[in-house]
């Protein structure tokens, strides 16, 4: 029996909660718009490589979850 890897969106939401970040705060941290963050969190847009790098660096999300 294997354990599934968590979805990136779920990990981002968890880190937002842990760090008490709102979408606006996350957008500022990652250098993007709140609209774009909303699209990422609703799985309406693919996360770009640049945002993936920032998630890894700024939110300390493991690269294996991002990729």
Protein backbone atom coordinates (compact mmCIF):
# COMPACT_ATOMS: atom_id res chain seq x y z
CA UNK A 1 0.00 0.00 0.00
CA UNK A 2 1.48 3.32 -1.01
CA UNK A 3 0.72 6.80 0.21
CA UNK A 4 -0.19 9.30 -2.49
CA UNK A 5 1.88 12.44 -2.83
CA UNK A 6 -0.07 15.49 -1.63
CA UNK A 7 -1.38 17.88 -4.25
CA UNK A 8 0.61 21.07 -4.60
CA UNK A 9 -2.50 23.21 -4.19
CA UNK A 10 -3.28 21.53 -0.87
CA UNK A 11 0.28 22.06 0.36
CA UNK A 12 0.17 25.73 -0.66
CA UNK A 13 -3.11 26.19 1.21
CA UNK A 14 -1.65 24.48 4.28
CA UNK A 15 1.46 26.71 4.22
CA UNK A 16 -0.77 29.77 3.79
CA UNK A 17 -2.69 28.74 6.89
CA UNK A 18 0.48 27.97 8.86
CA UNK A 19 1.98 31.35 7.95
CA UNK A 20 -1.35 33.18 8.30
CA UNK A 21 -1.15 34.43 4.70
CA UNK A 22 -4.09 35.67 2.69
CA UNK A 23 -4.13 35.43 -1.10
CA UNK A 24 -3.03 39.07 -1.27
CA UNK A 25 -0.05 38.34 1.00
CA UNK A 26 0.94 35.30 -1.04
CA UNK A 27 0.66 37.28 -4.28
CA UNK A 28 3.00 39.95 -2.92
CA UNK A 29 5.45 37.34 -1.64
CA UNK A 30 5.52 35.53 -4.98
CA UNK A 31 5.50 38.66 -7.11
CA UNK A 32 2.22 38.02 -8.89
CA UNK A 33 -1.40 39.19 -8.77
CA UNK A 34 -4.14 38.05 -6.42
CA UNK A 35 -6.13 37.04 -9.50
CA UNK A 36 -3.33 34.71 -10.57
CA UNK A 37 -3.08 33.21 -7.06
CA UNK A 38 -6.83 32.60 -7.12
CA UNK A 39 -6.53 30.84 -10.49
CA UNK A 40 -3.73 28.63 -9.14
CA UNK A 41 -5.69 27.72 -6.02
CA UNK A 42 -8.80 26.88 -8.04
CA UNK A 43 -6.67 24.78 -10.42
CA UNK A 44 -7.73 26.97 -13.35
CA UNK A 45 -4.16 27.79 -14.33
CA UNK A 46 -0.90 25.83 -14.32
CA UNK A 47 1.76 27.13 -11.97
CA UNK A 48 4.67 28.59 -13.92
CA UNK A 49 8.26 27.51 -13.41
CA UNK A 50 9.08 30.87 -11.84
CA UNK A 51 6.20 30.58 -9.34
CA UNK A 52 7.20 26.97 -8.63
CA UNK A 53 10.72 28.17 -7.77
CA UNK A 54 9.32 30.89 -5.52
CA UNK A 55 7.04 28.38 -3.74
CA UNK A 56 10.07 26.21 -3.06
CA UNK A 57 12.23 29.10 -1.84
CA UNK A 58 9.71 31.41 -0.13
CA UNK A 59 7.30 28.84 1.33
CA UNK A 60 9.84 26.04 1.77
CA UNK A 61 7.71 23.57 -0.18
CA UNK A 62 9.65 20.46 -1.12
CA UNK A 63 10.62 20.33 -4.78
CA UNK A 64 9.34 16.75 -5.09
CA UNK A 65 5.81 18.01 -4.35
CA UNK A 66 6.13 20.86 -6.84
CA UNK A 67 7.38 18.65 -9.67
